[in-house]
Amino acid sequence: SKNAVELAANLIRDLKGLEDFPVTLPDELRSFMDADGYKAAHER
């Protein structure tokens, strides 16, 4: 029998690949976040 834990571990590894799925921010949010100095203020 295949090992269910090993299968789940491999499946989780593949699901982590979804972090490369493309994302496009709405224009309203993108322009807001692209403002000068916003990144530094946000991460502060």
All heavy atoms as atom14 arrays in JSON, in Angstrom:
{
  "sequence": "SKNAVELAANLIRDLKGLEDFPVTLPDELRSFMDADGYKAAHER",
  "atom14_mask": [
    [1, 1, 1, 1, 1, 1, 0, 0, 0, 0, 0, 0, 0, 0],
    [1, 1, 1, 1, 1, 1, 1, 1, 1, 0, 0, 0, 0, 0],
    [1, 1, 1, 1, 1, 1, 1, 1, 0, 0, 0, 0, 0, 0],
    [1, 1, 1, 1, 1, 0, 0, 0, 0, 0, 0, 0, 0, 0],
    [1, 1, 1, 1, 1, 1, 1, 0, 0, 0, 0, 0, 0, 0],
    [1, 1, 1, 1, 1, 1, 1, 1, 1, 0, 0, 0, 0, 0],
    [1, 1, 1, 1, 1, 1, 1, 1, 0, 0, 0, 0, 0, 0],
    [1, 1, 1, 1, 1, 0, 0, 0, 0, 0, 0, 0, 0, 0],
    [1, 1, 1, 1, 1, 0, 0, 0, 0, 0, 0, 0, 0, 0],
    [1, 1, 1, 1, 1, 1, 1, 1, 0, 0, 0, 0, 0, 0],
    [1, 1, 1, 1, 1, 1, 1, 1, 0, 0, 0, 0, 0, 0],
    [1, 1, 1, 1, 1, 1, 1, 1, 0, 0, 0, 0, 0, 0],
    [1, 1, 1, 1, 1, 1, 1, 1, 1, 1, 1, 0, 0, 0],
    [1, 1, 1, 1, 1, 1, 1, 1, 0, 0, 0, 0, 0, 0],
    [1, 1, 1, 1, 1, 1, 1, 1, 0, 0, 0, 0, 0, 0],
    [1, 1, 1, 1, 1, 1, 1, 1, 1, 0, 0, 0, 0, 0],
    [1, 1, 1, 1, 0, 0, 0, 0, 0, 0, 0, 0, 0, 0],
    [1, 1, 1, 1, 1, 1, 1, 1, 0, 0, 0, 0, 0, 0],
    [1, 1, 1, 1, 1, 1, 1, 1, 1, 0, 0, 0, 0, 0],
    [1, 1, 1, 1, 1, 1, 1, 1, 0, 0, 0, 0, 0, 0],
    [1, 1, 1, 1, 1, 1, 1, 1, 1, 1, 1, 0, 0, 0],
    [1, 1, 1, 1, 1, 1, 1, 0, 0, 0, 0, 0, 0, 0],
    [1, 1, 1, 1, 1, 1, 1, 0, 0, 0, 0, 0, 0, 0],
    [1, 1, 1, 1, 1, 1, 1, 0, 0, 0, 0, 0, 0, 0],
    [1, 1, 1, 1, 1, 1, 1, 1, 0, 0, 0, 0, 0, 0],
    [1, 1, 1, 1, 1, 1, 1, 0, 0, 0, 0, 0, 0, 0],
    [1, 1, 1, 1, 1, 1, 1, 1, 0, 0, 0, 0, 0, 0],
    [1, 1, 1, 1, 1, 1, 1, 1, 1, 0, 0, 0, 0, 0],
    [1, 1, 1, 1, 1, 1, 1, 1, 0, 0, 0, 0, 0, 0],
    [1, 1, 1, 1, 1, 1, 1, 1, 1, 1, 1, 0, 0, 0],
    [1, 1, 1, 1, 1, 1, 0, 0, 0, 0, 0, 0, 0, 0],
    [1, 1, 1, 1, 1, 1, 1, 1, 1, 1, 1, 0, 0, 0],
    [1, 1, 1, 1, 1, 1, 1, 1, 0, 0, 0, 0, 0, 0],
    [1, 1, 1, 1, 1, 1, 1, 1, 0, 0, 0, 0, 0, 0],
    [1, 1, 1, 1, 1, 0, 0, 0, 0, 0, 0, 0, 0, 0],
    [1, 1, 1, 1, 1, 1, 1, 1, 0, 0, 0, 0, 0, 0],
    [1, 1, 1, 1, 0, 0, 0, 0, 0, 0, 0, 0, 0, 0],
    [1, 1, 1, 1, 1, 1, 1, 1, 1, 1, 1, 1, 0, 0],
    [1, 1, 1, 1, 1, 1, 1, 1, 1, 0, 0, 0, 0, 0],
    [1, 1, 1, 1, 1, 0, 0, 0, 0, 0, 0, 0, 0, 0],
    [1, 1, 1, 1, 1, 0, 0, 0, 0, 0, 0, 0, 0, 0],
    [1, 1, 1, 1, 1, 1, 1, 1, 1, 1, 0, 0, 0, 0],
    [1, 1, 1, 1, 1, 1, 1, 1, 1, 0, 0, 0, 0, 0],
    [1, 1, 1, 1, 1, 1, 1, 1, 1, 1, 1, 0, 0, 0]
  ],
  "atom14_positions": [
    [[0.84, -1.2, 0.0], [0.0, 0.0, 0.0], [0.87, 1.25, 0.0], [1.92, 1.28, 0.64], [-0.91, 0.02, 1.23], [-1.64, 1.23, 1.3], [0.0, 0.0, 0.0], [0.0, 0.0, 0.0], [0.0, 0.0, 0.0], [0.0, 0.0, 0.0], [0.0, 0.0, 0.0], [0.0, 0.0, 0.0], [0.0, 0.0, 0.0], [0.0, 0.0, 0.0]],
    [[0.43, 2.25, -0.72], [1.09, 3.55, -0.62], [0.86, 4.13, 0.76], [-0.14, 3.86, 1.42], [0.55, 4.5, -1.68], [0.9, 4.1, -3.11], [0.37, 5.13, -4.11], [0.76, 4.75, -5.53], [0.26, 5.74, -6.53], [0.0, 0.0, 0.0], [0.0, 0.0, 0.0], [0.0, 0.0, 0.0], [0.0, 0.0, 0.0], [0.0, 0.0, 0.0]],
    [[1.8, 4.97, 1.19], [1.72, 5.59, 2.5], [0.95, 6.9, 2.4], [1.32, 7.81, 1.67], [3.14, 5.86, 3.03], [3.13, 6.4, 4.44], [2.72, 7.53, 4.67], [3.58, 5.59, 5.39], [0.0, 0.0, 0.0], [0.0, 0.0, 0.0], [0.0, 0.0, 0.0], [0.0, 0.0, 0.0], [0.0, 0.0, 0.0], [0.0, 0.0, 0.0]],
    [[-0.16, 6.99, 3.14], [-1.02, 8.17, 3.05], [-0.3, 9.44, 3.49], [-0.52, 10.52, 2.92], [-2.28, 7.96, 3.89], [0.0, 0.0, 0.0], [0.0, 0.0, 0.0], [0.0, 0.0, 0.0], [0.0, 0.0, 0.0], [0.0, 0.0, 0.0], [0.0, 0.0, 0.0], [0.0, 0.0, 0.0], [0.0, 0.0, 0.0], [0.0, 0.0, 0.0]],
    [[0.57, 9.35, 4.49], [1.29, 10.52, 4.97], [2.26, 11.03, 3.91], [2.38, 12.24, 3.66], [2.03, 10.2, 6.28], [2.88, 11.38, 6.71], [1.04, 9.83, 7.37], [0.0, 0.0, 0.0], [0.0, 0.0, 0.0], [0.0, 0.0, 0.0], [0.0, 0.0, 0.0], [0.0, 0.0, 0.0], [0.0, 0.0, 0.0], [0.0, 0.0, 0.0]],
    [[2.96, 10.1, 3.25], [3.89, 10.5, 2.19], [3.13, 11.13, 1.01], [3.58, 12.13, 0.43], [4.69, 9.29, 1.7], [5.69, 8.78, 2.72], [6.45, 7.56, 2.2], [6.18, 7.16, 1.05], [7.3, 7.04, 2.93], [0.0, 0.0, 0.0], [0.0, 0.0, 0.0], [0.0, 0.0, 0.0], [0.0, 0.0, 0.0], [0.0, 0.0, 0.0]],
    [[1.98, 10.55, 0.67], [1.17, 11.13, -0.4], [0.73, 12.55, -0.04], [0.78, 13.46, -0.87], [-0.05, 10.25, -0.66], [0.18, 8.96, -1.44], [-1.07, 8.09, -1.39], [0.54, 9.26, -2.89], [0.0, 0.0, 0.0], [0.0, 0.0, 0.0], [0.0, 0.0, 0.0], [0.0, 0.0, 0.0], [0.0, 0.0, 0.0], [0.0, 0.0, 0.0]],
    [[0.29, 12.73, 1.21], [-0.14, 14.05, 1.64], [1.01, 15.05, 1.6], [0.83, 16.21, 1.21], [-0.72, 13.97, 3.06], [0.0, 0.0, 0.0], [0.0, 0.0, 0.0], [0.0, 0.0, 0.0], [0.0, 0.0, 0.0], [0.0, 0.0, 0.0], [0.0, 0.0, 0.0], [0.0, 0.0, 0.0], [0.0, 0.0, 0.0], [0.0, 0.0, 0.0]],
    [[2.21, 14.6, 2.0], [3.37, 15.49, 1.97], [3.69, 15.92, 0.54], [3.99, 17.09, 0.28], [4.57, 14.79, 2.6], [0.0, 0.0, 0.0], [0.0, 0.0, 0.0], [0.0, 0.0, 0.0], [0.0, 0.0, 0.0], [0.0, 0.0, 0.0], [0.0, 0.0, 0.0], [0.0, 0.0, 0.0], [0.0, 0.0, 0.0], [0.0, 0.0, 0.0]],
    [[3.63, 14.98, -0.4], [3.88, 15.32, -1.8], [2.81, 16.26, -2.35], [3.1, 17.18, -3.13], [3.93, 14.05, -2.65], [5.16, 13.2, -2.35], [6.18, 13.71, -1.88], [5.05, 11.9, -2.59], [0.0, 0.0, 0.0], [0.0, 0.0, 0.0], [0.0, 0.0, 0.0], [0.0, 0.0, 0.0], [0.0, 0.0, 0.0], [0.0, 0.0, 0.0]],
    [[1.57, 16.01, -1.95], [0.47, 16.86, -2.39], [0.64, 18.28, -1.87], [0.44, 19.26, -2.59], [-0.85, 16.26, -1.92], [-2.13, 17.04, -2.24], [-2.26, 17.27, -3.74], [-3.35, 16.29, -1.72], [0.0, 0.0, 0.0], [0.0, 0.0, 0.0], [0.0, 0.0, 0.0], [0.0, 0.0, 0.0], [0.0, 0.0, 0.0], [0.0, 0.0, 0.0]],
    [[1.03, 18.42, -0.6], [1.27, 19.74, -0.02], [2.39, 20.46, -0.77], [2.3, 21.66, -1.06], [1.59, 19.63, 1.48], [0.34, 19.2, 2.26], [2.14, 20.93, 2.03], [0.61, 18.85, 3.69], [0.0, 0.0, 0.0], [0.0, 0.0, 0.0], [0.0, 0.0, 0.0], [0.0, 0.0, 0.0], [0.0, 0.0, 0.0], [0.0, 0.0, 0.0]],
    [[3.43, 19.72, -1.11], [4.53, 20.32, -1.89], [4.02, 20.87, -3.21], [4.36, 21.99, -3.61], [5.59, 19.25, -2.15], [6.78, 19.72, -3.0], [7.46, 18.54, -3.65], [6.54, 17.84, -4.54], [6.6, 16.53, -4.8], [7.52, 15.78, -4.22], [5.75, 15.97, -5.65], [0.0, 0.0, 0.0], [0.0, 0.0, 0.0], [0.0, 0.0, 0.0]],
    [[3.16, 20.1, -3.88], [2.63, 20.56, -5.16], [1.71, 21.76, -4.97], [1.7, 22.7, -5.79], [1.86, 19.44, -5.86], [2.79, 18.31, -6.33], [4.02, 18.51, -6.29], [2.27, 17.26, -6.73], [0.0, 0.0, 0.0], [0.0, 0.0, 0.0], [0.0, 0.0, 0.0], [0.0, 0.0, 0.0], [0.0, 0.0, 0.0], [0.0, 0.0, 0.0]],
    [[0.9, 21.74, -3.9], [0.02, 22.87, -3.64], [0.79, 24.14, -3.34], [0.35, 25.25, -3.68], [-0.92, 22.55, -2.47], [-2.01, 21.51, -2.75], [-2.76, 21.16, -1.47], [-3.0, 22.01, -3.8], [0.0, 0.0, 0.0], [0.0, 0.0, 0.0], [0.0, 0.0, 0.0], [0.0, 0.0, 0.0], [0.0, 0.0, 0.0], [0.0, 0.0, 0.0]],
    [[1.96, 24.02, -2.71], [2.78, 25.2, -2.45], [3.19, 25.89, -3.75], [3.46, 27.09, -3.77], [4.02, 24.82, -1.66], [3.77, 24.46, -0.22], [3.38, 25.67, 0.61], [4.55, 26.6, 0.87], [4.17, 27.75, 1.75], [0.0, 0.0, 0.0], [0.0, 0.0, 0.0], [0.0, 0.0, 0.0], [0.0, 0.0, 0.0], [0.0, 0.0, 0.0]],
    [[3.2, 25.11, -4.84], [3.53, 25.7, -6.14], [2.52, 26.73, -6.6], [2.8, 27.54, -7.49], [0.0, 0.0, 0.0], [0.0, 0.0, 0.0], [0.0, 0.0, 0.0], [0.0, 0.0, 0.0], [0.0, 0.0, 0.0], [0.0, 0.0, 0.0], [0.0, 0.0, 0.0], [0.0, 0.0, 0.0], [0.0, 0.0, 0.0], [0.0, 0.0, 0.0]],
    [[1.33, 26.72, -5.98], [0.32, 27.72, -6.33], [0.75, 29.13, -5.94], [0.15, 30.11, -6.4], [-1.01, 27.39, -5.65], [-1.76, 26.17, -6.2], [-2.93, 25.82, -5.3], [-2.24, 26.43, -7.62], [0.0, 0.0, 0.0], [0.0, 0.0, 0.0], [0.0, 0.0, 0.0], [0.0, 0.0, 0.0], [0.0, 0.0, 0.0], [0.0, 0.0, 0.0]],
    [[1.79, 29.25, -5.12], [2.27, 30.57, -4.76], [2.89, 31.3, -5.95], [3.16, 32.5, -5.89], [3.24, 30.49, -3.59], [2.56, 30.03, -2.31], [3.43, 30.17, -1.07], [4.67, 30.21, -1.23], [2.88, 30.25, 0.05], [0.0, 0.0, 0.0], [0.0, 0.0, 0.0], [0.0, 0.0, 0.0], [0.0, 0.0, 0.0], [0.0, 0.0, 0.0]],
    [[3.14, 30.56, -7.05], [3.63, 31.18, -8.28], [2.48, 31.55, -9.22], [2.71, 32.04, -10.33], [4.58, 30.22, -9.02], [5.84, 29.93, -8.2], [6.31, 30.85, -7.51], [6.32, 28.78, -8.25], [0.0, 0.0, 0.0], [0.0, 0.0, 0.0], [0.0, 0.0, 0.0], [0.0, 0.0, 0.0], [0.0, 0.0, 0.0], [0.0, 0.0, 0.0]],
    [[1.23, 31.32, -8.79], [0.08, 31.63, -9.62], [0.01, 33.15, -9.83], [0.2, 33.92, -8.89], [-1.2, 31.14, -8.95], [-2.38, 30.98, -9.89], [-2.52, 29.85, -10.67], [-3.32, 31.98, -9.99], [-3.59, 29.7, -11.53], [-4.41, 31.85, -10.85], [-4.53, 30.7, -11.63], [0.0, 0.0, 0.0], [0.0, 0.0, 0.0], [0.0, 0.0, 0.0]],
    [[-0.26, 33.62, -11.06], [-0.22, 35.06, -11.33], [-1.3, 35.84, -10.59], [-2.42, 35.37, -10.44], [-0.42, 35.14, -12.85], [-1.12, 33.86, -13.22], [-0.59, 32.83, -12.27], [0.0, 0.0, 0.0], [0.0, 0.0, 0.0], [0.0, 0.0, 0.0], [0.0, 0.0, 0.0], [0.0, 0.0, 0.0], [0.0, 0.0, 0.0], [0.0, 0.0, 0.0]],
    [[-0.92, 37.02, -10.12], [-1.83, 37.93, -9.42], [-1.74, 39.31, -10.06], [-0.65, 39.81, -10.29], [-1.48, 38.02, -7.92], [-2.29, 39.11, -7.24], [-1.7, 36.68, -7.23], [0.0, 0.0, 0.0], [0.0, 0.0, 0.0], [0.0, 0.0, 0.0], [0.0, 0.0, 0.0], [0.0, 0.0, 0.0], [0.0, 0.0, 0.0], [0.0, 0.0, 0.0]],
    [[-2.88, 39.9, -10.35], [-2.94, 41.27, -10.87], [-3.77, 42.11, -9.92], [-4.97, 41.88, -9.76], [-3.56, 41.3, -12.29], [-2.8, 40.45, -13.16], [-3.57, 42.73, -12.83], [0.0, 0.0, 0.0], [0.0, 0.0, 0.0], [0.0, 0.0, 0.0], [0.0, 0.0, 0.0], [0.0, 0.0, 0.0], [0.0, 0.0, 0.0], [0.0, 0.0, 0.0]],
    [[-3.15, 43.08, -9.29], [-3.87, 43.93, -8.36], [-4.81, 44.88, -9.11], [-4.5, 45.32, -10.22], [-2.9, 44.77, -7.53], [-2.06, 44.03, -6.48], [-1.15, 45.02, -5.76], [-2.93, 43.31, -5.47], [0.0, 0.0, 0.0], [0.0, 0.0, 0.0], [0.0, 0.0, 0.0], [0.0, 0.0, 0.0], [0.0, 0.0, 0.0], [0.0, 0.0, 0.0]],
    [[-5.96, 45.22, -8.51], [-6.83, 46.23, -9.11], [-6.06, 47.55, -9.29], [-5.19, 47.88, -8.48], [-7.96, 46.38, -8.09], [-7.93, 45.13, -7.28], [-6.49, 44.68, -7.25], [0.0, 0.0, 0.0], [0.0, 0.0, 0.0], [0.0, 0.0, 0.0], [0.0, 0.0, 0.0], [0.0, 0.0, 0.0], [0.0, 0.0, 0.0], [0.0, 0.0, 0.0]],
    [[-6.38, 48.29, -10.34], [-5.66, 49.54, -10.62], [-5.71, 50.49, -9.43], [-4.71, 51.15, -9.11], [-6.27, 50.22, -11.84], [-5.99, 49.45, -13.13], [-5.05, 48.62, -13.12], [-6.69, 49.69, -14.12], [0.0, 0.0, 0.0], [0.0, 0.0, 0.0], [0.0, 0.0, 0.0], [0.0, 0.0, 0.0], [0.0, 0.0, 0.0], [0.0, 0.0, 0.0]],
    [[-6.86, 50.57, -8.76], [-6.99, 51.47, -7.61], [-6.0, 51.13, -6.52], [-5.37, 52.01, -5.92], [-8.42, 51.4, -7.06], [-8.64, 52.25, -5.82], [-10.02, 52.05, -5.23], [-10.83, 51.28, -5.8], [-10.31, 52.68, -4.2], [0.0, 0.0, 0.0], [0.0, 0.0, 0.0], [0.0, 0.0, 0.0], [0.0, 0.0, 0.0], [0.0, 0.0, 0.0]],
    [[-5.83, 49.83, -6.26], [-4.92, 49.41, -5.21], [-3.47, 49.53, -5.66], [-2.59, 49.95, -4.9], [-5.23, 47.96, -4.81], [-4.48, 47.39, -3.61], [-4.66, 48.26, -2.39], [-4.95, 45.97, -3.32], [0.0, 0.0, 0.0], [0.0, 0.0, 0.0], [0.0, 0.0, 0.0], [0.0, 0.0, 0.0], [0.0, 0.0, 0.0], [0.0, 0.0, 0.0]],
    [[-3.19, 49.19, -6.92], [-1.82, 49.24, -7.44], [-1.28, 50.66, -7.42], [-0.14, 50.91, -6.99], [-1.81, 48.7, -8.87], [-0.44, 48.63, -9.55], [0.39, 47.48, -9.03], [1.11, 47.78, -7.8], [1.76, 46.88, -7.09], [1.73, 45.61, -7.45], [2.41, 47.22, -6.0], [0.0, 0.0, 0.0], [0.0, 0.0, 0.0], [0.0, 0.0, 0.0]],
    [[-2.08, 51.62, -7.89], [-1.62, 53.01, -7.91], [-1.42, 53.55, -6.5], [-0.5, 54.34, -6.25], [-2.62, 53.89, -8.67], [-3.89, 53.87, -8.04], [0.0, 0.0, 0.0], [0.0, 0.0, 0.0], [0.0, 0.0, 0.0], [0.0, 0.0, 0.0], [0.0, 0.0, 0.0], [0.0, 0.0, 0.0], [0.0, 0.0, 0.0], [0.0, 0.0, 0.0]],
    [[-2.24, 53.1, -5.58], [-2.12, 53.52, -4.19], [-0.81, 53.01, -3.6], [-0.06, 53.76, -2.97], [-3.31, 52.97, -3.41], [-3.46, 53.52, -2.02], [-4.17, 54.69, -1.81], [-2.91, 52.87, -0.93], [-4.32, 55.2, -0.52], [-3.04, 53.38, 0.34], [-3.76, 54.55, 0.55], [0.0, 0.0, 0.0], [0.0, 0.0, 0.0], [0.0, 0.0, 0.0]],
    [[-0.49, 51.75, -3.85], [0.71, 51.15, -3.27], [1.98, 51.6, -3.97], [3.08, 51.49, -3.4], [0.58, 49.62, -3.31], [-0.55, 49.08, -2.45], [-0.73, 47.29, -2.56], [0.79, 46.73, -1.77], [0.0, 0.0, 0.0], [0.0, 0.0, 0.0], [0.0, 0.0, 0.0], [0.0, 0.0, 0.0], [0.0, 0.0, 0.0], [0.0, 0.0, 0.0]],
    [[1.87, 52.1, -5.21], [3.04, 52.56, -5.95], [3.44, 53.99, -5.62], [4.43, 54.51, -6.14], [2.79, 52.46, -7.46], [2.86, 51.02, -7.96], [3.39, 50.17, -7.23], [2.37, 50.75, -9.08], [0.0, 0.0, 0.0], [0.0, 0.0, 0.0], [0.0, 0.0, 0.0], [0.0, 0.0, 0.0], [0.0, 0.0, 0.0], [0.0, 0.0, 0.0]],
    [[2.66, 54.67, -4.77], [2.97, 56.05, -4.41], [4.34, 56.15, -3.73], [4.77, 55.23, -3.02], [1.88, 56.61, -3.49], [0.0, 0.0, 0.0], [0.0, 0.0, 0.0], [0.0, 0.0, 0.0], [0.0, 0.0, 0.0], [0.0, 0.0, 0.0], [0.0, 0.0, 0.0], [0.0, 0.0, 0.0], [0.0, 0.0, 0.0], [0.0, 0.0, 0.0]],
    [[5.03, 57.27, -3.97], [6.36, 57.46, -3.39], [6.32, 57.34, -1.86], [5.49, 57.97, -1.2], [6.89, 58.86, -3.76], [7.25, 58.98, -5.24], [7.39, 57.92, -5.88], [7.38, 60.11, -5.73], [0.0, 0.0, 0.0], [0.0, 0.0, 0.0], [0.0, 0.0, 0.0], [0.0, 0.0, 0.0], [0.0, 0.0, 0.0], [0.0, 0.0, 0.0]],
    [[7.22, 56.55, -1.33], [7.36, 56.4, 0.1], [6.36, 55.47, 0.76], [6.47, 55.2, 1.96], [0.0, 0.0, 0.0], [0.0, 0.0, 0.0], [0.0, 0.0, 0.0], [0.0, 0.0, 0.0], [0.0, 0.0, 0.0], [0.0, 0.0, 0.0], [0.0, 0.0, 0.0], [0.0, 0.0, 0.0], [0.0, 0.0, 0.0], [0.0, 0.0, 0.0]],
    [[5.39, 54.95, -0.04], [4.35, 54.14, 0.58], [4.9, 52.81, 1.12], [4.54, 52.39, 2.22], [3.21, 53.87, -0.4], [2.07, 53.1, 0.24], [1.11, 53.78, 0.98], [1.98, 51.72, 0.15], [0.08, 53.09, 1.6], [0.95, 51.02, 0.77], [0.01, 51.71, 1.49], [-1.0, 51.02, 2.12], [0.0, 0.0, 0.0], [0.0, 0.0, 0.0]],
    [[5.77, 52.16, 0.34], [6.29, 50.86, 0.78], [7.01, 50.98, 2.12], [6.8, 50.17, 3.03], [7.23, 50.28, -0.27], [7.84, 48.95, 0.14], [8.74, 48.36, -0.95], [9.32, 47.03, -0.49], [10.2, 46.43, -1.54], [0.0, 0.0, 0.0], [0.0, 0.0, 0.0], [0.0, 0.0, 0.0], [0.0, 0.0, 0.0], [0.0, 0.0, 0.0]],
    [[7.86, 52.01, 2.25], [8.6, 52.18, 3.5], [7.66, 52.44, 4.67], [7.83, 51.88, 5.76], [9.59, 53.34, 3.36], [0.0, 0.0, 0.0], [0.0, 0.0, 0.0], [0.0, 0.0, 0.0], [0.0, 0.0, 0.0], [0.0, 0.0, 0.0], [0.0, 0.0, 0.0], [0.0, 0.0, 0.0], [0.0, 0.0, 0.0], [0.0, 0.0, 0.0]],
    [[6.63, 53.28, 4.43], [5.67, 53.57, 5.5], [4.87, 52.33, 5.87], [4.63, 52.05, 7.05], [4.74, 54.69, 5.06], [0.0, 0.0, 0.0], [0.0, 0.0, 0.0], [0.0, 0.0, 0.0], [0.0, 0.0, 0.0], [0.0, 0.0, 0.0], [0.0, 0.0, 0.0], [0.0, 0.0, 0.0], [0.0, 0.0, 0.0], [0.0, 0.0, 0.0]],
    [[4.48, 51.55, 4.86], [3.7, 50.34, 5.09], [4.49, 49.33, 5.92], [3.97, 48.77, 6.9], [3.31, 49.74, 3.74], [2.46, 48.51, 3.83], [1.1, 48.53, 3.69], [2.78, 47.21, 4.08], [0.62, 47.3, 3.83], [1.63, 46.49, 4.05], [0.0, 0.0, 0.0], [0.0, 0.0, 0.0], [0.0, 0.0, 0.0], [0.0, 0.0, 0.0]],
    [[5.74, 49.1, 5.55], [6.53, 48.08, 6.26], [6.98, 48.58, 7.63], [7.26, 47.77, 8.51], [7.7, 47.65, 5.4], [7.26, 46.94, 4.13], [8.29, 46.02, 3.54], [9.49, 46.21, 3.84], [7.9, 45.11, 2.77], [0.0, 0.0, 0.0], [0.0, 0.0, 0.0], [0.0, 0.0, 0.0], [0.0, 0.0, 0.0], [0.0, 0.0, 0.0]],
    [[7.04, 49.91, 7.82], [7.33, 50.42, 9.16], [6.21, 50.03, 10.12], [6.45, 49.72, 11.29], [7.47, 51.94, 9.1], [7.64, 52.59, 10.48], [7.82, 54.1, 10.36], [6.73, 54.73, 9.63], [5.55, 55.04, 10.17], [5.29, 54.74, 11.45], [4.61, 55.63, 9.45], [0.0, 0.0, 0.0], [0.0, 0.0, 0.0], [0.0, 0.0, 0.0]]
  ]
}
